[in-house]
Amino acid sequence: MNYQFNKTEIQRLNKDLKIRLQALPILKNKEAALRVEIKKHRATLKNLQVQMDEKSSVLEEIIGLYADPYLNFDKSMIEVSKIDIVSKKIAGIKIPSLQSVEFSVRPFSIFNAPAWLLDGIEIIKSFATLKIKIEQEQQAINILELARKKTTQKVNLYEKVQVPAFQEAIIKIKRFLEDLDNLDRAAQKIVKKKRAVII
């Protein structure tokens, strides 16, 4: 750290030190809040993955019906038409929050379709929605993790590097200025003694 040995520099360093000391508790609270949020989102993600595993086994049971070439199931019959995601702020960090998923189902004749088709469409919708929720939750965790990591780095920078460096610099400048003042006083005494001897 570069600094000058004068009173103006002490004022500047004190100001910078004060800013960091005031910011530290805020940053520590932000870091703690982010840790709590990450934990919540991980629990949600784990729950969603358990649901996905359960739905996957149901889907495996009916997948044979859809794969049967005689049933002629058209995979383009159902598709995601809209995903509504809004931003949610947590500890000043914007993360995506899934509001809804809309599907478009191509019209078909209920009378000519197999009986399992409507149930199958609902299963596919719920499976796709769950998959989108999992992706969104993972994305939120990644954003929160990155923010937490940056906040932790900033806390460490302030706490372990900058605050001690500013404090040390202020002490060095004060000592230097005191030494300079003492030398000045000593020089004045010497000059007074010399003048007294001359008189």
N, C-alpha and C. Protein backbone atom coordinates (compact mmCIF):
# COMPACT_ATOMS: atom_id res chain seq x y z
N MET A 1 0.84 -1.18 0.00
CA MET A 1 0.00 0.00 0.00
C MET A 1 0.89 1.24 0.00
N ASN A 2 0.59 2.16 -0.89
CA ASN A 2 1.35 3.41 -0.98
C ASN A 2 0.61 4.51 -0.23
N TYR A 3 1.34 5.25 0.55
CA TYR A 3 0.73 6.38 1.27
C TYR A 3 1.82 7.41 1.57
N GLN A 4 1.36 8.62 1.82
CA GLN A 4 2.28 9.72 2.15
C GLN A 4 2.30 9.92 3.65
N PHE A 5 3.36 10.51 4.13
CA PHE A 5 3.51 10.72 5.57
C PHE A 5 3.10 12.14 5.94
N ASN A 6 1.77 12.36 5.96
CA ASN A 6 1.24 13.67 6.38
C ASN A 6 -0.14 13.50 7.00
N LYS A 7 -0.64 14.59 7.61
CA LYS A 7 -1.92 14.54 8.32
C LYS A 7 -3.09 14.32 7.38
N THR A 8 -3.01 14.84 6.17
CA THR A 8 -4.08 14.64 5.17
C THR A 8 -4.23 13.15 4.85
N GLU A 9 -3.10 12.47 4.77
CA GLU A 9 -3.11 11.03 4.47
C GLU A 9 -3.74 10.24 5.63
N ILE A 10 -3.49 10.67 6.85
CA ILE A 10 -4.11 10.02 8.01
C ILE A 10 -5.62 10.16 7.92
N GLN A 11 -6.10 11.34 7.56
CA GLN A 11 -7.55 11.57 7.42
C GLN A 11 -8.13 10.66 6.34
N ARG A 12 -7.43 10.57 5.21
CA ARG A 12 -7.90 9.73 4.11
C ARG A 12 -7.94 8.25 4.53
N LEU A 13 -6.88 7.80 5.18
CA LEU A 13 -6.82 6.40 5.62
C LEU A 13 -7.89 6.11 6.69
N ASN A 14 -8.09 7.06 7.61
CA ASN A 14 -9.14 6.89 8.63
C ASN A 14 -10.51 6.77 7.99
N LYS A 15 -10.75 7.59 6.96
CA LYS A 15 -12.04 7.55 6.24
C LYS A 15 -12.22 6.19 5.56
N ASP A 16 -11.17 5.72 4.85
CA ASP A 16 -11.23 4.41 4.18
C ASP A 16 -11.42 3.28 5.20
N LEU A 17 -10.74 3.39 6.33
CA LEU A 17 -10.84 2.38 7.39
C LEU A 17 -12.26 2.35 7.95
N LYS A 18 -12.82 3.54 8.20
CA LYS A 18 -14.19 3.64 8.74
C LYS A 18 -15.20 3.00 7.79
N ILE A 19 -15.05 3.26 6.49
CA ILE A 19 -15.95 2.68 5.48
C ILE A 19 -15.91 1.15 5.55
N ARG A 20 -14.72 0.59 5.64
CA ARG A 20 -14.58 -0.87 5.67
C ARG A 20 -15.10 -1.46 6.98
N LEU A 21 -14.84 -0.78 8.08
CA LEU A 21 -15.33 -1.27 9.37
C LEU A 21 -16.86 -1.23 9.44
N GLN A 22 -17.47 -0.22 8.79
CA GLN A 22 -18.93 -0.15 8.74
C GLN A 22 -19.51 -1.20 7.79
N ALA A 23 -18.78 -1.50 6.72
CA ALA A 23 -19.25 -2.46 5.72
C ALA A 23 -19.13 -3.91 6.19
N LEU A 24 -18.17 -4.19 7.06
CA LEU A 24 -17.92 -5.57 7.49
C LEU A 24 -19.14 -6.27 8.09
N PRO A 25 -19.84 -5.68 9.06
CA PRO A 25 -21.01 -6.39 9.61
C PRO A 25 -22.10 -6.63 8.56
N ILE A 26 -22.27 -5.66 7.66
CA ILE A 26 -23.27 -5.80 6.59
C ILE A 26 -22.90 -6.97 5.69
N LEU A 27 -21.62 -7.02 5.31
CA LEU A 27 -21.14 -8.11 4.44
C LEU A 27 -21.26 -9.46 5.14
N LYS A 28 -20.96 -9.50 6.43
CA LYS A 28 -21.07 -10.76 7.18
C LYS A 28 -22.52 -11.22 7.26
N ASN A 29 -23.44 -10.27 7.48
CA ASN A 29 -24.87 -10.61 7.50
C ASN A 29 -25.33 -11.12 6.14
N LYS A 30 -24.85 -10.47 5.08
CA LYS A 30 -25.21 -10.90 3.72
C LYS A 30 -24.70 -12.31 3.46
N GLU A 31 -23.47 -12.57 3.88
CA GLU A 31 -22.88 -13.90 3.70
C GLU A 31 -23.70 -14.96 4.45
N ALA A 32 -24.10 -14.64 5.68
CA ALA A 32 -24.90 -15.58 6.48
C ALA A 32 -26.27 -15.81 5.83
N ALA A 33 -26.89 -14.73 5.35
CA ALA A 33 -28.20 -14.85 4.69
C ALA A 33 -28.10 -15.72 3.43
N LEU A 34 -27.02 -15.53 2.68
CA LEU A 34 -26.82 -16.31 1.45
C LEU A 34 -26.61 -17.79 1.78
N ARG A 35 -25.88 -18.06 2.84
CA ARG A 35 -25.67 -19.46 3.26
C ARG A 35 -27.00 -20.14 3.61
N VAL A 36 -27.85 -19.40 4.35
CA VAL A 36 -29.16 -19.93 4.73
C VAL A 36 -30.01 -20.19 3.49
N GLU A 37 -30.01 -19.24 2.56
CA GLU A 37 -30.79 -19.39 1.32
C GLU A 37 -30.30 -20.56 0.48
N ILE A 38 -29.00 -20.71 0.39
CA ILE A 38 -28.43 -21.82 -0.38
C ILE A 38 -28.88 -23.15 0.23
N LYS A 39 -28.86 -23.21 1.56
CA LYS A 39 -29.29 -24.42 2.25
C LYS A 39 -30.76 -24.74 1.93
N LYS A 40 -31.61 -23.69 1.96
CA LYS A 40 -33.04 -23.87 1.64
C LYS A 40 -33.22 -24.36 0.21
N HIS A 41 -32.52 -23.72 -0.72
CA HIS A 41 -32.66 -24.09 -2.14
C HIS A 41 -32.13 -25.49 -2.41
N ARG A 42 -31.08 -25.88 -1.69
CA ARG A 42 -30.55 -27.25 -1.85
C ARG A 42 -31.57 -28.27 -1.36
N ALA A 43 -32.23 -27.95 -0.25
CA ALA A 43 -33.27 -28.86 0.28
C ALA A 43 -34.43 -28.97 -0.71
N THR A 44 -34.82 -27.81 -1.29
CA THR A 44 -35.89 -27.81 -2.30
C THR A 44 -35.48 -28.64 -3.51
N LEU A 45 -34.24 -28.45 -3.95
CA LEU A 45 -33.73 -29.20 -5.11
C LEU A 45 -33.74 -30.70 -4.83
N LYS A 46 -33.31 -31.07 -3.63
CA LYS A 46 -33.28 -32.50 -3.26
C LYS A 46 -34.70 -33.07 -3.29
N ASN A 47 -35.66 -32.32 -2.76
CA ASN A 47 -37.06 -32.73 -2.75
C ASN A 47 -37.59 -32.90 -4.18
N LEU A 48 -37.24 -31.93 -5.05
CA LEU A 48 -37.67 -32.01 -6.45
C LEU A 48 -37.06 -33.22 -7.15
N GLN A 49 -35.80 -33.53 -6.83
CA GLN A 49 -35.14 -34.68 -7.45
C GLN A 49 -35.77 -36.00 -7.00
N VAL A 50 -36.21 -36.05 -5.74
CA VAL A 50 -36.92 -37.24 -5.24
C VAL A 50 -38.23 -37.39 -6.01
N GLN A 51 -38.95 -36.28 -6.18
CA GLN A 51 -40.20 -36.30 -6.96
C GLN A 51 -39.93 -36.76 -8.40
N MET A 52 -38.82 -36.27 -8.96
CA MET A 52 -38.46 -36.63 -10.34
C MET A 52 -38.20 -38.12 -10.45
N ASP A 53 -37.51 -38.67 -9.45
CA ASP A 53 -37.24 -40.12 -9.46
C ASP A 53 -38.55 -40.91 -9.41
N GLU A 54 -39.48 -40.46 -8.58
CA GLU A 54 -40.78 -41.13 -8.47
C GLU A 54 -41.55 -41.04 -9.78
N LYS A 55 -41.54 -39.87 -10.40
CA LYS A 55 -42.25 -39.68 -11.68
C LYS A 55 -41.57 -40.46 -12.80
N SER A 56 -40.25 -40.56 -12.71
CA SER A 56 -39.51 -41.31 -13.75
C SER A 56 -39.95 -42.76 -13.78
N SER A 57 -40.17 -43.34 -12.59
CA SER A 57 -40.60 -44.74 -12.57
C SER A 57 -42.01 -44.89 -13.16
N VAL A 58 -42.88 -43.91 -12.90
CA VAL A 58 -44.23 -43.92 -13.49
C VAL A 58 -44.13 -43.75 -15.00
N LEU A 59 -43.25 -42.85 -15.41
CA LEU A 59 -43.08 -42.57 -16.84
C LEU A 59 -42.53 -43.80 -17.57
N GLU A 60 -41.63 -44.54 -16.91
CA GLU A 60 -41.07 -45.75 -17.52
C GLU A 60 -42.17 -46.79 -17.78
N GLU A 61 -43.14 -46.81 -16.89
CA GLU A 61 -44.24 -47.78 -17.04
C GLU A 61 -45.08 -47.48 -18.27
N ILE A 62 -45.32 -46.18 -18.53
CA ILE A 62 -46.19 -45.84 -19.67
C ILE A 62 -45.42 -45.55 -20.95
N ILE A 63 -44.09 -45.45 -20.85
CA ILE A 63 -43.30 -45.09 -22.04
C ILE A 63 -43.46 -46.12 -23.15
N GLY A 64 -43.68 -47.35 -22.74
CA GLY A 64 -43.89 -48.42 -23.71
C GLY A 64 -45.09 -48.15 -24.60
N LEU A 65 -46.12 -47.57 -24.02
CA LEU A 65 -47.33 -47.25 -24.79
C LEU A 65 -47.01 -46.20 -25.87
N TYR A 66 -46.19 -45.23 -25.48
CA TYR A 66 -45.87 -44.16 -26.43
C TYR A 66 -44.87 -44.62 -27.49
N ALA A 67 -44.07 -45.59 -27.14
CA ALA A 67 -43.06 -46.09 -28.08
C ALA A 67 -43.62 -47.12 -29.05
N ASP A 68 -44.80 -47.65 -28.77
CA ASP A 68 -45.42 -48.68 -29.62
C ASP A 68 -45.69 -48.10 -31.01
N PRO A 69 -45.06 -48.66 -32.08
CA PRO A 69 -45.22 -48.11 -33.43
C PRO A 69 -46.66 -48.20 -33.94
N TYR A 70 -47.44 -49.16 -33.43
CA TYR A 70 -48.83 -49.32 -33.88
C TYR A 70 -49.75 -48.21 -33.34
N LEU A 71 -49.37 -47.65 -32.18
CA LEU A 71 -50.20 -46.60 -31.59
C LEU A 71 -49.94 -45.24 -32.25
N ASN A 72 -48.80 -45.14 -32.91
CA ASN A 72 -48.50 -43.95 -33.71
C ASN A 72 -48.59 -42.64 -32.90
N PHE A 73 -47.96 -42.60 -31.70
CA PHE A 73 -48.02 -41.39 -30.88
C PHE A 73 -47.12 -40.31 -31.47
N ASP A 74 -47.67 -39.13 -31.68
CA ASP A 74 -46.93 -38.00 -32.25
C ASP A 74 -46.34 -37.18 -31.09
N LYS A 75 -44.99 -37.20 -30.99
CA LYS A 75 -44.32 -36.51 -29.88
C LYS A 75 -44.47 -34.99 -29.94
N SER A 76 -44.73 -34.46 -31.13
CA SER A 76 -44.89 -33.00 -31.25
C SER A 76 -46.29 -32.55 -30.83
N MET A 77 -47.08 -33.49 -30.37
CA MET A 77 -48.45 -33.20 -29.97
C MET A 77 -48.52 -32.25 -28.76
N ILE A 78 -47.51 -32.38 -27.89
CA ILE A 78 -47.46 -31.54 -26.68
C ILE A 78 -46.10 -30.85 -26.62
N GLU A 79 -46.13 -29.57 -26.33
CA GLU A 79 -44.87 -28.84 -26.16
C GLU A 79 -45.06 -27.69 -25.19
N VAL A 80 -43.93 -27.24 -24.63
CA VAL A 80 -43.95 -26.11 -23.70
C VAL A 80 -44.18 -24.85 -24.53
N SER A 81 -45.22 -24.10 -24.20
CA SER A 81 -45.50 -22.88 -24.96
C SER A 81 -45.01 -21.62 -24.24
N LYS A 82 -44.96 -21.67 -22.89
CA LYS A 82 -44.53 -20.48 -22.15
C LYS A 82 -44.00 -20.88 -20.78
N ILE A 83 -42.86 -20.29 -20.43
CA ILE A 83 -42.30 -20.47 -19.09
C ILE A 83 -42.24 -19.08 -18.47
N ASP A 84 -42.94 -18.89 -17.38
CA ASP A 84 -43.00 -17.59 -16.72
C ASP A 84 -42.05 -17.60 -15.52
N ILE A 85 -40.95 -16.86 -15.67
CA ILE A 85 -39.95 -16.77 -14.60
C ILE A 85 -39.81 -15.30 -14.21
N VAL A 86 -39.86 -15.03 -12.91
CA VAL A 86 -39.66 -13.67 -12.42
C VAL A 86 -38.38 -13.64 -11.59
N SER A 87 -37.85 -12.43 -11.42
CA SER A 87 -36.65 -12.27 -10.58
C SER A 87 -37.07 -12.02 -9.15
N LYS A 88 -36.37 -12.67 -8.26
CA LYS A 88 -36.63 -12.52 -6.83
C LYS A 88 -35.31 -12.08 -6.19
N LYS A 89 -35.37 -11.10 -5.28
CA LYS A 89 -34.15 -10.62 -4.64
C LYS A 89 -33.96 -11.28 -3.28
N ILE A 90 -32.77 -11.81 -3.09
CA ILE A 90 -32.39 -12.39 -1.80
C ILE A 90 -31.05 -11.79 -1.43
N ALA A 91 -31.02 -11.06 -0.32
CA ALA A 91 -29.80 -10.39 0.15
C ALA A 91 -29.17 -9.54 -0.96
N GLY A 92 -30.03 -8.89 -1.74
CA GLY A 92 -29.55 -8.01 -2.81
C GLY A 92 -29.16 -8.74 -4.09
N ILE A 93 -29.37 -10.04 -4.14
CA ILE A 93 -28.99 -10.85 -5.31
C ILE A 93 -30.27 -11.28 -6.03
N LYS A 94 -30.31 -11.04 -7.34
CA LYS A 94 -31.48 -11.46 -8.12
C LYS A 94 -31.32 -12.92 -8.54
N ILE A 95 -32.37 -13.69 -8.22
CA ILE A 95 -32.38 -15.09 -8.66
C ILE A 95 -33.70 -15.36 -9.39
N PRO A 96 -33.69 -16.33 -10.32
CA PRO A 96 -34.93 -16.65 -11.04
C PRO A 96 -35.89 -17.43 -10.16
N SER A 97 -37.16 -17.13 -10.31
CA SER A 97 -38.21 -17.85 -9.57
C SER A 97 -39.30 -18.25 -10.56
N LEU A 98 -39.53 -19.55 -10.68
CA LEU A 98 -40.51 -20.07 -11.62
C LEU A 98 -41.93 -19.79 -11.13
N GLN A 99 -42.71 -19.13 -11.97
CA GLN A 99 -44.10 -18.83 -11.63
C GLN A 99 -45.04 -19.88 -12.22
N SER A 100 -44.85 -20.14 -13.51
CA SER A 100 -45.74 -21.11 -14.15
C SER A 100 -45.13 -21.64 -15.44
N VAL A 101 -45.65 -22.78 -15.87
CA VAL A 101 -45.25 -23.38 -17.14
C VAL A 101 -46.55 -23.68 -17.89
N GLU A 102 -46.62 -23.21 -19.13
CA GLU A 102 -47.82 -23.46 -19.94
C GLU A 102 -47.45 -24.38 -21.10
N PHE A 103 -48.39 -25.24 -21.44
CA PHE A 103 -48.18 -26.19 -22.53
C PHE A 103 -49.22 -25.97 -23.62
N SER A 104 -48.83 -26.31 -24.81
CA SER A 104 -49.82 -26.32 -25.88
C SER A 104 -49.96 -27.77 -26.35
N VAL A 105 -51.20 -28.20 -26.42
CA VAL A 105 -51.49 -29.57 -26.86
C VAL A 105 -52.27 -29.45 -28.16
N ARG A 106 -51.71 -30.08 -29.20
CA ARG A 106 -52.39 -30.04 -30.49
C ARG A 106 -53.74 -30.74 -30.40
N PRO A 107 -54.77 -30.15 -30.96
CA PRO A 107 -56.10 -30.78 -30.87
C PRO A 107 -56.10 -32.21 -31.44
N PHE A 108 -56.86 -33.07 -30.76
CA PHE A 108 -56.99 -34.46 -31.22
C PHE A 108 -58.40 -34.94 -30.87
N SER A 109 -58.80 -35.98 -31.51
CA SER A 109 -60.13 -36.53 -31.27
C SER A 109 -60.09 -37.45 -30.06
N ILE A 110 -60.84 -37.07 -29.03
CA ILE A 110 -60.88 -37.88 -27.82
C ILE A 110 -61.47 -39.26 -28.12
N PHE A 111 -62.40 -39.31 -29.06
CA PHE A 111 -63.07 -40.58 -29.39
C PHE A 111 -62.16 -41.55 -30.12
N ASN A 112 -61.23 -40.98 -30.94
CA ASN A 112 -60.33 -41.84 -31.71
C ASN A 112 -59.03 -42.13 -30.98
N ALA A 113 -58.76 -41.38 -29.91
CA ALA A 113 -57.49 -41.54 -29.16
C ALA A 113 -57.63 -42.68 -28.15
N PRO A 114 -56.51 -43.34 -27.85
CA PRO A 114 -56.56 -44.39 -26.83
C PRO A 114 -56.92 -43.79 -25.46
N ALA A 115 -57.45 -44.60 -24.58
CA ALA A 115 -57.94 -44.15 -23.27
C ALA A 115 -56.82 -43.57 -22.39
N TRP A 116 -55.61 -44.06 -22.56
CA TRP A 116 -54.50 -43.63 -21.72
C TRP A 116 -53.91 -42.29 -22.14
N LEU A 117 -54.31 -41.77 -23.31
CA LEU A 117 -53.66 -40.58 -23.86
C LEU A 117 -53.80 -39.35 -22.96
N LEU A 118 -54.98 -39.06 -22.44
CA LEU A 118 -55.18 -37.88 -21.59
C LEU A 118 -54.34 -37.97 -20.30
N ASP A 119 -54.35 -39.15 -19.68
CA ASP A 119 -53.52 -39.34 -18.48
C ASP A 119 -52.04 -39.18 -18.82
N GLY A 120 -51.66 -39.73 -19.96
CA GLY A 120 -50.27 -39.65 -20.41
C GLY A 120 -49.83 -38.22 -20.64
N ILE A 121 -50.71 -37.42 -21.22
CA ILE A 121 -50.39 -36.01 -21.47
C ILE A 121 -50.17 -35.28 -20.14
N GLU A 122 -51.01 -35.57 -19.14
CA GLU A 122 -50.86 -34.93 -17.81
C GLU A 122 -49.56 -35.37 -17.14
N ILE A 123 -49.21 -36.64 -17.31
CA ILE A 123 -47.95 -37.14 -16.73
C ILE A 123 -46.77 -36.44 -17.39
N ILE A 124 -46.81 -36.29 -18.71
CA ILE A 124 -45.73 -35.62 -19.43
C ILE A 124 -45.63 -34.15 -19.00
N LYS A 125 -46.78 -33.49 -18.84
CA LYS A 125 -46.79 -32.09 -18.38
C LYS A 125 -46.13 -31.97 -17.00
N SER A 126 -46.53 -32.84 -16.08
CA SER A 126 -45.98 -32.74 -14.72
C SER A 126 -44.49 -33.07 -14.71
N PHE A 127 -44.09 -34.03 -15.55
CA PHE A 127 -42.68 -34.41 -15.64
C PHE A 127 -41.86 -33.24 -16.21
N ALA A 128 -42.36 -32.62 -17.27
CA ALA A 128 -41.65 -31.48 -17.89
C ALA A 128 -41.58 -30.30 -16.93
N THR A 129 -42.68 -30.03 -16.22
CA THR A 129 -42.71 -28.93 -15.24
C THR A 129 -41.68 -29.18 -14.14
N LEU A 130 -41.61 -30.40 -13.68
CA LEU A 130 -40.66 -30.76 -12.64
C LEU A 130 -39.22 -30.59 -13.12
N LYS A 131 -38.98 -30.99 -14.36
CA LYS A 131 -37.64 -30.86 -14.93
C LYS A 131 -37.25 -29.38 -15.03
N ILE A 132 -38.18 -28.52 -15.44
CA ILE A 132 -37.93 -27.08 -15.54
C ILE A 132 -37.68 -26.50 -14.15
N LYS A 133 -38.46 -26.95 -13.14
CA LYS A 133 -38.26 -26.48 -11.76
C LYS A 133 -36.87 -26.84 -11.26
N ILE A 134 -36.44 -28.06 -11.56
CA ILE A 134 -35.10 -28.51 -11.13
C ILE A 134 -34.02 -27.65 -11.78
N GLU A 135 -34.14 -27.39 -13.07
CA GLU A 135 -33.15 -26.55 -13.77
C GLU A 135 -33.12 -25.14 -13.18
N GLN A 136 -34.30 -24.59 -12.92
CA GLN A 136 -34.40 -23.24 -12.37
C GLN A 136 -33.80 -23.19 -10.96
N GLU A 137 -34.07 -24.21 -10.16
CA GLU A 137 -33.55 -24.28 -8.79
C GLU A 137 -32.03 -24.41 -8.79
N GLN A 138 -31.49 -25.20 -9.72
CA GLN A 138 -30.04 -25.36 -9.84
C GLN A 138 -29.40 -24.04 -10.26
N GLN A 139 -30.05 -23.34 -11.17
CA GLN A 139 -29.56 -22.04 -11.62
C GLN A 139 -29.54 -21.04 -10.45
N ALA A 140 -30.60 -21.04 -9.63
CA ALA A 140 -30.67 -20.16 -8.47
C ALA A 140 -29.54 -20.48 -7.49
N ILE A 141 -29.28 -21.77 -7.26
CA ILE A 141 -28.20 -22.18 -6.35
C ILE A 141 -26.86 -21.70 -6.89
N ASN A 142 -26.63 -21.85 -8.20
CA ASN A 142 -25.37 -21.41 -8.80
C ASN A 142 -25.16 -19.91 -8.62
N ILE A 143 -26.22 -19.12 -8.83
CA ILE A 143 -26.14 -17.66 -8.67
C ILE A 143 -25.84 -17.31 -7.21
N LEU A 144 -26.56 -17.95 -6.28
CA LEU A 144 -26.36 -17.69 -4.85
C LEU A 144 -24.96 -18.11 -4.39
N GLU A 145 -24.49 -19.25 -4.88
CA GLU A 145 -23.14 -19.73 -4.53
C GLU A 145 -22.07 -18.74 -4.98
N LEU A 146 -22.21 -18.25 -6.21
CA LEU A 146 -21.25 -17.28 -6.74
C LEU A 146 -21.27 -16.00 -5.91
N ALA A 147 -22.46 -15.52 -5.57
CA ALA A 147 -22.61 -14.31 -4.75
C ALA A 147 -22.01 -14.52 -3.36
N ARG A 148 -22.26 -15.70 -2.77
CA ARG A 148 -21.71 -16.00 -1.45
C ARG A 148 -20.18 -16.04 -1.49
N LYS A 149 -19.65 -16.66 -2.55
CA LYS A 149 -18.20 -16.76 -2.69
C LYS A 149 -17.57 -15.37 -2.80
N LYS A 150 -18.18 -14.50 -3.61
CA LYS A 150 -17.66 -13.13 -3.77
C LYS A 150 -17.76 -12.36 -2.45
N THR A 151 -18.87 -12.54 -1.73
CA THR A 151 -19.06 -11.85 -0.45
C THR A 151 -18.03 -12.33 0.57
N THR A 152 -17.79 -13.64 0.61
CA THR A 152 -16.79 -14.21 1.52
C THR A 152 -15.40 -13.65 1.20
N GLN A 153 -15.09 -13.56 -0.09
CA GLN A 153 -13.80 -13.00 -0.50
C GLN A 153 -13.66 -11.55 -0.05
N LYS A 154 -14.75 -10.79 -0.18
CA LYS A 154 -14.72 -9.38 0.23
C LYS A 154 -14.56 -9.25 1.74
N VAL A 155 -15.27 -10.10 2.49
CA VAL A 155 -15.14 -10.10 3.95
C VAL A 155 -13.69 -10.39 4.34
N ASN A 156 -13.11 -11.42 3.72
CA ASN A 156 -11.72 -11.78 4.02
C ASN A 156 -10.75 -10.67 3.62
N LEU A 157 -11.00 -10.04 2.47
CA LEU A 157 -10.15 -8.95 2.01
C LEU A 157 -10.17 -7.80 3.02
N TYR A 158 -11.37 -7.41 3.44
CA TYR A 158 -11.50 -6.31 4.40
C TYR A 158 -10.89 -6.69 5.74
N GLU A 159 -11.31 -7.86 6.26
CA GLU A 159 -10.96 -8.27 7.61
C GLU A 159 -9.48 -8.62 7.77
N LYS A 160 -8.94 -9.34 6.80
CA LYS A 160 -7.59 -9.87 6.96
C LYS A 160 -6.50 -9.08 6.23
N VAL A 161 -6.91 -8.23 5.28
CA VAL A 161 -5.90 -7.51 4.51
C VAL A 161 -6.03 -5.99 4.68
N GLN A 162 -7.15 -5.43 4.24
CA GLN A 162 -7.25 -3.98 4.17
C GLN A 162 -7.34 -3.30 5.53
N VAL A 163 -8.20 -3.78 6.43
CA VAL A 163 -8.33 -3.14 7.74
C VAL A 163 -6.99 -3.16 8.49
N PRO A 164 -6.31 -4.31 8.59
CA PRO A 164 -5.00 -4.28 9.27
C PRO A 164 -3.98 -3.38 8.55
N ALA A 165 -4.02 -3.36 7.23
CA ALA A 165 -3.07 -2.52 6.47
C ALA A 165 -3.31 -1.05 6.73
N PHE A 166 -4.59 -0.63 6.75
CA PHE A 166 -4.92 0.77 7.04
C PHE A 166 -4.50 1.13 8.47
N GLN A 167 -4.80 0.24 9.41
CA GLN A 167 -4.45 0.50 10.81
C GLN A 167 -2.93 0.64 10.98
N GLU A 168 -2.20 -0.25 10.33
CA GLU A 168 -0.74 -0.22 10.40
C GLU A 168 -0.19 1.06 9.76
N ALA A 169 -0.76 1.44 8.61
CA ALA A 169 -0.30 2.65 7.92
C ALA A 169 -0.54 3.90 8.77
N ILE A 170 -1.72 3.95 9.41
CA ILE A 170 -2.05 5.10 10.27
C ILE A 170 -1.06 5.19 11.43
N ILE A 171 -0.74 4.06 12.05
CA ILE A 171 0.22 4.04 13.16
C ILE A 171 1.59 4.50 12.69
N LYS A 172 2.04 4.01 11.53
CA LYS A 172 3.36 4.39 11.00
C LYS A 172 3.43 5.90 10.70
N ILE A 173 2.37 6.42 10.09
CA ILE A 173 2.35 7.85 9.77
C ILE A 173 2.36 8.68 11.05
N LYS A 174 1.54 8.27 12.05
CA LYS A 174 1.50 9.00 13.32
C LYS A 174 2.86 8.99 14.00
N ARG A 175 3.52 7.83 14.01
CA ARG A 175 4.87 7.73 14.62
C ARG A 175 5.87 8.61 13.87
N PHE A 176 5.77 8.56 12.54
CA PHE A 176 6.68 9.39 11.73
C PHE A 176 6.48 10.86 12.05
N LEU A 177 5.22 11.29 12.11
CA LEU A 177 4.91 12.70 12.39
C LEU A 177 5.33 13.08 13.81
N GLU A 178 5.16 12.15 14.78
CA GLU A 178 5.63 12.40 16.15
C GLU A 178 7.14 12.53 16.18
N ASP A 179 7.84 11.63 15.48
CA ASP A 179 9.31 11.70 15.42
C ASP A 179 9.76 13.01 14.79
N LEU A 180 9.06 13.41 13.73
CA LEU A 180 9.38 14.67 13.04
C LEU A 180 9.17 15.84 13.99
N ASP A 181 8.08 15.79 14.75
CA ASP A 181 7.78 16.85 15.72
C ASP A 181 8.83 16.89 16.83
N ASN A 182 9.23 15.70 17.31
CA ASN A 182 10.27 15.61 18.36
C ASN A 182 11.60 16.16 17.85
N LEU A 183 11.94 15.82 16.61
CA LEU A 183 13.19 16.34 16.01
C LEU A 183 13.14 17.85 15.88
N ASP A 184 11.97 18.35 15.50
CA ASP A 184 11.79 19.80 15.35
C ASP A 184 11.97 20.50 16.70
N ARG A 185 11.37 19.92 17.75
CA ARG A 185 11.51 20.50 19.10
C ARG A 185 12.96 20.45 19.57
N ALA A 186 13.60 19.31 19.32
CA ALA A 186 15.01 19.16 19.72
C ALA A 186 15.88 20.18 19.00
N ALA A 187 15.59 20.39 17.71
CA ALA A 187 16.37 21.37 16.92
C ALA A 187 16.14 22.78 17.47
N GLN A 188 14.89 23.07 17.86
CA GLN A 188 14.58 24.40 18.42
C GLN A 188 15.32 24.62 19.75
N LYS A 189 15.40 23.56 20.58
CA LYS A 189 16.12 23.67 21.86
C LYS A 189 17.60 23.94 21.64
N ILE A 190 18.15 23.23 20.64
CA ILE A 190 19.57 23.41 20.32
C ILE A 190 19.82 24.84 19.86
N VAL A 191 18.93 25.34 19.00
CA VAL A 191 19.06 26.73 18.50
C VAL A 191 18.97 27.71 19.67
N LYS A 192 18.00 27.47 20.61
CA LYS A 192 17.85 28.35 21.78
C LYS A 192 19.11 28.35 22.63
N LYS A 193 19.69 27.13 22.85
CA LYS A 193 20.91 27.02 23.67
C LYS A 193 22.07 27.77 23.02
N LYS A 194 22.17 27.64 21.68
CA LYS A 194 23.25 28.32 20.97
C LYS A 194 23.09 29.84 21.08
N ARG A 195 21.85 30.29 20.96
CA ARG A 195 21.56 31.73 21.09
C ARG A 195 21.87 32.21 22.52
N ALA A 196 21.53 31.37 23.48
CA ALA A 196 21.78 31.73 24.88
C ALA A 196 23.28 31.82 25.15
N VAL A 197 24.06 30.94 24.53
CA VAL A 197 25.52 30.95 24.70
C VAL A 197 26.10 32.19 24.05
N ILE A 198 25.58 32.56 22.89
CA ILE A 198 26.09 33.71 22.16
C ILE A 198 25.82 34.99 22.96
N ILE A 199 24.67 35.08 23.59
CA ILE A 199 24.29 36.28 24.33
C ILE A 199 25.07 36.28 25.61
